[in-house]
Amino acid sequence: TLEEVLPSEEVLWCVMEHVLRIQVGIGEILSGLWVRNGYSLRSQEEFYLQGQYCNQCVDLDIFLLQVCVMALDSDLFLTTLLQRYKLDPWFKFGDFASFYPAC
């Protein structure tokens, strides 16, 4: 069965956290948030996304995230995903003044 093959939930959470940090970091580099850190981060991002390494890096990371989504609590996974990408304030309803600075 699938339960026999998959590791424990604790291990899956650790794997998910690691892979999610990589994906968030790549997204931040691609969106230009790390421009002032020079070309070292840019070259790491290019190396990670190169076609010849795609099967070893990106595809396996996405597959691991898919396994984690399937095996873990989907609500907690989605909450964690939104927090890592810093999108969770956009999905909270209530005081909108906290989203926008005073003019």
Protein backbone atom coordinates (compact mmCIF):
# COMPACT_ATOMS: atom_id res chain seq x y z
CA THR A 1 0.00 0.00 0.00
CA LEU A 2 0.95 3.63 -0.26
CA GLU A 3 1.28 4.03 3.50
CA GLU A 4 4.03 1.41 3.52
CA VAL A 5 6.04 3.21 0.85
CA LEU A 6 5.77 6.81 2.06
CA PRO A 7 7.82 8.08 4.99
CA SER A 8 6.18 9.48 8.11
CA GLU A 9 4.30 12.77 8.05
CA GLU A 10 7.11 14.43 9.99
CA VAL A 11 9.63 13.50 7.30
CA LEU A 12 7.26 14.62 4.56
CA TRP A 13 6.82 18.02 6.25
CA CYS A 14 10.61 18.43 6.38
CA VAL A 15 10.95 17.46 2.72
CA MET A 16 8.12 19.79 1.74
CA GLU A 17 9.65 22.68 3.69
CA HIS A 18 13.02 22.24 2.00
CA VAL A 19 11.60 21.98 -1.52
CA LEU A 20 9.19 24.85 -0.93
CA ARG A 21 12.03 27.11 0.22
CA ILE A 22 13.88 26.34 -3.00
CA GLN A 23 10.82 27.17 -5.12
CA VAL A 24 10.17 30.39 -3.19
CA GLY A 25 13.82 31.40 -3.53
CA ILE A 26 13.80 30.79 -7.28
CA GLY A 27 10.58 32.78 -7.56
CA GLU A 28 12.09 35.68 -5.62
CA ILE A 29 15.22 35.66 -7.78
CA LEU A 30 13.15 35.61 -10.97
CA SER A 31 11.00 38.49 -9.76
CA GLY A 32 14.05 40.63 -9.04
CA LEU A 33 13.98 40.71 -5.26
CA TRP A 34 17.65 39.70 -4.98
CA VAL A 35 19.15 42.09 -7.53
CA ARG A 36 21.62 43.69 -5.13
CA ASN A 37 23.27 40.40 -4.24
CA GLY A 38 25.17 40.26 -7.49
CA TYR A 39 25.40 37.57 -10.06
CA SER A 40 26.01 34.63 -7.73
CA LEU A 41 22.32 34.10 -6.99
CA ARG A 42 21.39 34.71 -10.59
CA SER A 43 23.87 32.06 -11.74
CA GLN A 44 22.53 29.58 -9.16
CA GLU A 45 19.01 30.20 -10.46
CA GLU A 46 20.13 29.71 -14.06
CA PHE A 47 21.98 26.51 -13.14
CA TYR A 48 18.88 25.18 -11.34
CA LEU A 49 16.59 25.92 -14.29
CA GLN A 50 18.93 24.78 -17.11
CA GLY A 51 17.42 22.22 -19.45
CA GLN A 52 20.11 19.61 -18.95
CA TYR A 53 19.60 19.65 -15.17
CA CYS A 54 15.83 20.02 -15.24
CA ASN A 55 15.25 16.29 -14.73
CA GLN A 56 17.59 16.29 -11.73
CA CYS A 57 16.39 19.46 -10.04
CA VAL A 58 13.12 21.11 -10.99
CA ASP A 59 11.11 18.06 -12.04
CA LEU A 60 12.01 16.07 -8.93
CA ASP A 61 11.26 19.02 -6.67
CA ILE A 62 7.82 19.47 -8.24
CA PHE A 63 7.20 15.73 -7.94
CA LEU A 64 8.13 15.83 -4.23
CA LEU A 65 5.70 18.72 -3.70
CA GLN A 66 2.98 16.72 -5.45
CA VAL A 67 3.62 13.75 -3.17
CA CYS A 68 3.45 16.03 -0.13
CA VAL A 69 0.17 17.57 -1.32
CA MET A 70 -1.28 14.10 -1.76
CA ALA A 71 -0.08 12.69 1.56
CA LEU A 72 -0.37 15.65 3.95
CA ASP A 73 -3.27 17.72 5.18
CA SER A 74 -4.25 19.93 2.23
CA ASP A 75 -5.35 22.87 4.39
CA LEU A 76 -2.04 22.97 6.23
CA PHE A 77 -0.14 22.60 2.97
CA LEU A 78 -2.00 25.49 1.37
CA THR A 79 -1.52 27.65 4.46
CA THR A 80 2.19 26.87 4.47
CA LEU A 81 2.44 27.62 0.74
CA LEU A 82 0.75 31.00 1.16
CA GLN A 83 2.96 31.86 4.13
CA ARG A 84 6.20 31.00 2.33
CA TYR A 85 5.27 33.16 -0.66
CA LYS A 86 4.12 35.89 1.76
CA LEU A 87 0.64 35.87 0.28
CA ASP A 88 -1.28 35.01 3.45
CA PRO A 89 -2.24 38.64 4.29
CA TRP A 90 -4.10 38.81 0.99
CA PHE A 91 -6.32 35.91 2.04
CA LYS A 92 -7.21 37.19 5.50
CA PHE A 93 -10.37 39.19 5.84
CA GLY A 94 -10.70 41.94 8.38
CA ASP A 95 -8.63 45.05 8.94
CA PHE A 96 -7.56 46.25 5.50
CA ALA A 97 -5.60 49.14 6.99
CA SER A 98 -2.79 46.74 7.85
CA PHE A 99 -2.25 46.00 4.12
CA TYR A 100 -1.75 49.55 2.99
CA PRO A 101 0.59 52.11 4.56
CA ALA A 102 -0.86 55.45 5.59
CA CYS A 103 -0.51 58.14 2.92
